[in-house]
Amino acid sequence: MVTMTTSTPDPGGQTISPHTGALLVDRRNGKVGVVMGHVGPYVQLRPPRGGREWDVPPEDVRPPTPTEELSAKVAVANRRWGR
């Protein structure tokens, strides 16, 4: 299990401590990503369907909305079925 060294408050005041495998949204561009770990102060996210990881400052991540989470899970399922 990987945790960040610093926690991040979301707009509701809750603290986000992302663990490997958690879904988060990059506030800078709205992209949903899976937490792969962290390097230094950054959270490393990867697209749910796979691809290149990108670094996000911890203050720029937030939990996904139910719609964003469902969309990411559907994308992963579609990939498994070759769609």
Protein backbone atom coordinates (compact mmCIF):
# COMPACT_ATOMS: atom_id res chain seq x y z
CA MET A 1 0.00 0.00 0.00
CA VAL A 2 1.35 3.41 -0.98
CA THR A 3 0.26 6.55 0.80
CA MET A 4 1.25 10.13 0.26
CA THR A 5 3.46 11.87 2.72
CA THR A 6 1.05 14.81 2.79
CA SER A 7 -2.71 14.65 2.84
CA THR A 8 -4.83 16.83 0.61
CA PRO A 9 -8.10 18.49 1.66
CA ASP A 10 -10.87 18.36 -0.94
CA PRO A 11 -13.36 21.25 -1.36
CA GLY A 12 -15.62 19.69 1.28
CA GLY A 13 -12.79 19.77 3.79
CA GLN A 14 -12.21 16.00 3.76
CA THR A 15 -8.66 14.75 3.59
CA ILE A 16 -7.59 12.71 0.58
CA SER A 17 -4.85 10.16 1.18
CA PRO A 18 -4.83 8.21 -2.07
CA HIS A 19 -3.78 4.60 -2.04
CA THR A 20 -2.49 2.62 -4.98
CA GLY A 21 -5.42 1.62 -7.18
CA ALA A 22 -7.70 4.47 -6.08
CA LEU A 23 -9.44 6.58 -8.73
CA LEU A 24 -8.77 10.32 -8.59
CA VAL A 25 -9.37 13.28 -10.87
CA ASP A 26 -6.67 15.73 -11.91
CA ARG A 27 -8.31 19.12 -11.25
CA ARG A 28 -6.04 20.78 -13.80
CA ASN A 29 -7.44 18.93 -16.80
CA GLY A 30 -10.40 16.88 -15.50
CA LYS A 31 -8.80 13.54 -16.40
CA VAL A 32 -9.59 10.50 -14.24
CA GLY A 33 -6.63 8.38 -13.28
CA VAL A 34 -5.68 5.38 -11.17
CA VAL A 35 -3.14 6.08 -8.44
CA MET A 36 0.05 4.18 -9.26
CA GLY A 37 2.07 5.61 -6.38
CA HIS A 38 3.91 8.81 -5.63
CA VAL A 39 7.31 10.27 -6.30
CA GLY A 40 8.43 13.09 -4.10
CA PRO A 41 5.47 15.39 -3.54
CA TYR A 42 3.57 14.18 -6.63
CA VAL A 43 0.78 11.64 -7.05
CA GLN A 44 1.31 9.45 -10.11
CA LEU A 45 -1.88 8.77 -12.08
CA ARG A 46 -2.41 6.48 -15.07
CA PRO A 47 -5.47 6.43 -17.34
CA PRO A 48 -7.87 3.63 -16.28
CA ARG A 49 -7.53 1.97 -19.71
CA GLY A 50 -3.73 2.03 -19.43
CA GLY A 51 -1.15 4.35 -20.88
CA ARG A 52 1.47 6.80 -19.75
CA GLU A 53 1.51 7.96 -16.14
CA TRP A 54 1.52 11.63 -15.26
CA ASP A 55 2.45 13.50 -12.10
CA VAL A 56 -0.06 15.64 -10.24
CA PRO A 57 0.59 17.89 -7.24
CA PRO A 58 -1.44 16.53 -4.30
CA GLU A 59 -3.43 19.76 -4.03
CA ASP A 60 -4.68 19.22 -7.60
CA VAL A 61 -6.41 15.85 -7.07
CA ARG A 62 -9.96 15.17 -5.96
CA PRO A 63 -12.21 12.14 -5.66
CA PRO A 64 -14.25 11.37 -8.79
CA THR A 65 -17.96 12.07 -8.96
CA PRO A 66 -20.15 8.94 -9.22
CA THR A 67 -20.53 9.66 -12.96
CA GLU A 68 -16.75 9.97 -13.49
CA GLU A 69 -16.13 6.77 -11.54
CA LEU A 70 -18.72 4.81 -13.50
CA SER A 71 -17.37 6.10 -16.80
CA ALA A 72 -13.84 4.99 -15.88
CA LYS A 73 -15.05 1.54 -14.85
CA VAL A 74 -17.03 1.13 -18.09
CA ALA A 75 -13.94 2.09 -20.10
CA VAL A 76 -11.92 -0.61 -18.33
CA ALA A 77 -14.66 -3.21 -18.88
CA ASN A 78 -14.93 -2.28 -22.57
CA ARG A 79 -11.18 -2.72 -22.96
CA ARG A 80 -11.40 -6.23 -21.49
CA TRP A 81 -14.08 -7.10 -24.04
CA GLY A 82 -12.15 -5.57 -26.94
CA ARG A 83 -14.44 -2.63 -27.60
